[in-house]
Amino acid sequence: MQISKRAGLGLALACLTGSTMIEPATAADKASLFKVVTAKDEIVIGLSDAELAQMDGNAGGIAKALVAKGSLSAWRYAVRKADNGELEMAPLHKIGLISTESLRVEPYPTTLKVLPIDESKK
């Protein structure tokens, strides 16, 4: 079976496009996700690139900022279904974190689309 040049090019383009559809949460979405674990529960938070840059750009920096300040505001993220039926990570509401000894902050990788933080909804 022979494939025409046009069909082959279309197939190659579809493969390239498909491989870029699944990106890590910190890609060009302008929000980075982290899991915050306490003795009671765990939640997923999102920080804008500007907020994250003020905290050394990683989970350790977030933990340091939380300990130094005693509290921190962040957007809580949750999975929701988009209008097209696909699942995505979306900002739910702004929350406050209080520093405790039994706290862990770690990156939260996801293959879902991560919606950016809309600062006008504060």
Protein backbone atom coordinates (compact mmCIF):
# COMPACT_ATOMS: atom_id res chain seq x y z
CA MET A 1 0.00 0.00 0.00
CA GLN A 2 1.42 3.36 -1.03
CA ILE A 3 0.65 6.64 0.72
CA SER A 4 0.57 9.86 -1.27
CA LYS A 5 2.95 12.67 -0.30
CA ARG A 6 0.01 14.80 0.81
CA ALA A 7 -1.42 12.04 3.02
CA GLY A 8 2.03 11.31 4.47
CA LEU A 9 2.58 14.97 5.23
CA GLY A 10 -0.86 15.16 6.86
CA LEU A 11 -0.11 12.10 8.98
CA ALA A 12 3.24 13.53 10.08
CA LEU A 13 1.61 16.86 10.96
CA ALA A 14 -1.12 15.07 12.93
CA CYS A 15 1.51 13.14 14.91
CA LEU A 16 3.44 16.33 15.69
CA THR A 17 0.27 18.16 16.71
CA GLY A 18 -0.85 15.27 18.88
CA SER A 19 2.46 15.13 20.70
CA THR A 20 2.18 18.80 21.67
CA MET A 21 -1.35 18.42 22.98
CA ILE A 22 -0.18 16.78 26.21
CA GLU A 23 2.08 19.24 27.98
CA PRO A 24 3.19 19.50 31.58
CA ALA A 25 1.28 21.86 33.81
CA THR A 26 4.10 24.36 33.87
CA ALA A 27 4.32 24.78 30.10
CA ALA A 28 2.96 27.92 28.44
CA ASP A 29 -0.18 27.93 30.54
CA LYS A 30 1.02 30.78 32.80
CA ALA A 31 0.10 28.77 35.93
CA SER A 32 2.20 26.21 37.76
CA LEU A 33 0.50 23.57 39.89
CA PHE A 34 1.70 22.23 43.24
CA LYS A 35 0.28 19.73 45.69
CA VAL A 36 0.21 20.94 49.31
CA VAL A 37 0.10 18.05 51.80
CA THR A 38 -0.72 18.48 55.48
CA ALA A 39 -1.49 16.01 58.26
CA LYS A 40 -5.22 16.42 57.48
CA ASP A 41 -5.47 16.56 53.70
CA GLU A 42 -3.92 17.59 50.42
CA ILE A 43 -4.93 20.15 47.84
CA VAL A 44 -3.66 21.38 44.48
CA ILE A 45 -2.74 25.05 44.21
CA GLY A 46 -1.76 27.18 41.25
CA LEU A 47 0.61 30.12 41.17
CA SER A 48 1.15 32.55 38.32
CA ASP A 49 4.60 32.85 36.81
CA ALA A 50 5.06 36.22 38.54
CA GLU A 51 4.12 34.80 41.97
CA LEU A 52 6.33 31.78 41.48
CA ALA A 53 9.29 33.93 40.41
CA GLN A 54 9.13 35.69 43.78
CA MET A 55 9.50 32.29 45.47
CA ASP A 56 12.63 30.96 43.70
CA GLY A 57 10.44 29.30 41.04
CA ASN A 58 10.08 25.91 42.74
CA ALA A 59 8.36 23.95 45.52
CA GLY A 60 11.21 24.58 47.96
CA GLY A 61 10.85 28.31 47.43
CA ILE A 62 7.12 28.10 48.11
CA ALA A 63 7.77 26.23 51.37
CA LYS A 64 10.41 28.79 52.41
CA ALA A 65 8.07 31.71 51.64
CA LEU A 66 5.27 30.07 53.61
CA VAL A 67 7.48 29.52 56.65
CA ALA A 68 8.98 33.03 56.45
CA LYS A 69 5.63 34.81 56.05
CA GLY A 70 3.52 32.43 58.16
CA SER A 71 0.76 32.42 55.53
CA LEU A 72 0.36 32.52 51.77
CA SER A 73 -2.50 33.15 49.34
CA ALA A 74 -2.90 30.91 46.30
CA TRP A 75 -5.54 29.68 43.88
CA ARG A 76 -7.00 26.26 44.61
CA TYR A 77 -7.25 24.18 41.43
CA ALA A 78 -9.65 21.33 40.70
CA VAL A 79 -10.55 19.10 37.77
CA ARG A 80 -13.62 20.13 35.81
CA LYS A 81 -15.23 19.23 32.51
CA ALA A 82 -14.79 21.80 29.73
CA ASP A 83 -17.56 22.77 27.34
CA ASN A 84 -16.16 20.30 24.80
CA GLY A 85 -16.38 17.46 27.34
CA GLU A 86 -12.66 17.15 28.04
CA LEU A 87 -11.26 17.33 31.56
CA GLU A 88 -9.12 20.32 32.56
CA MET A 89 -7.53 21.83 35.66
CA ALA A 90 -9.23 25.13 36.53
CA PRO A 91 -8.83 27.69 39.32
CA LEU A 92 -11.62 27.13 41.85
CA HIS A 93 -11.15 29.93 44.39
CA LYS A 94 -8.46 31.87 46.24
CA ILE A 95 -7.35 30.24 49.51
CA GLY A 96 -5.00 31.03 52.36
CA LEU A 97 -2.34 28.59 53.54
CA ILE A 98 -1.03 28.76 57.11
CA SER A 99 2.44 27.50 57.93
CA THR A 100 2.53 24.29 59.99
CA GLU A 101 5.27 21.84 60.80
CA SER A 102 3.58 18.97 58.98
CA LEU A 103 3.48 20.54 55.54
CA ARG A 104 4.89 19.40 52.21
CA VAL A 105 4.81 21.23 48.89
CA GLU A 106 5.58 19.32 45.70
CA PRO A 107 5.11 19.90 41.97
CA TYR A 108 1.85 18.56 40.58
CA PRO A 109 2.37 17.14 37.09
CA THR A 110 -0.73 16.65 34.97
CA THR A 111 -1.54 15.79 31.38
CA LEU A 112 -4.74 17.84 31.59
CA LYS A 113 -4.99 21.32 30.15
CA VAL A 114 -4.27 23.89 32.87
CA LEU A 115 -6.32 27.07 32.68
CA PRO A 116 -4.52 30.31 33.53
CA ILE A 117 -5.27 32.28 36.67
CA ASP A 118 -7.72 35.11 36.07
CA GLU A 119 -6.62 37.84 38.48
CA SER A 120 -9.86 39.76 37.89
CA LYS A 121 -11.75 37.08 39.87
CA LYS A 122 -9.96 37.84 43.15
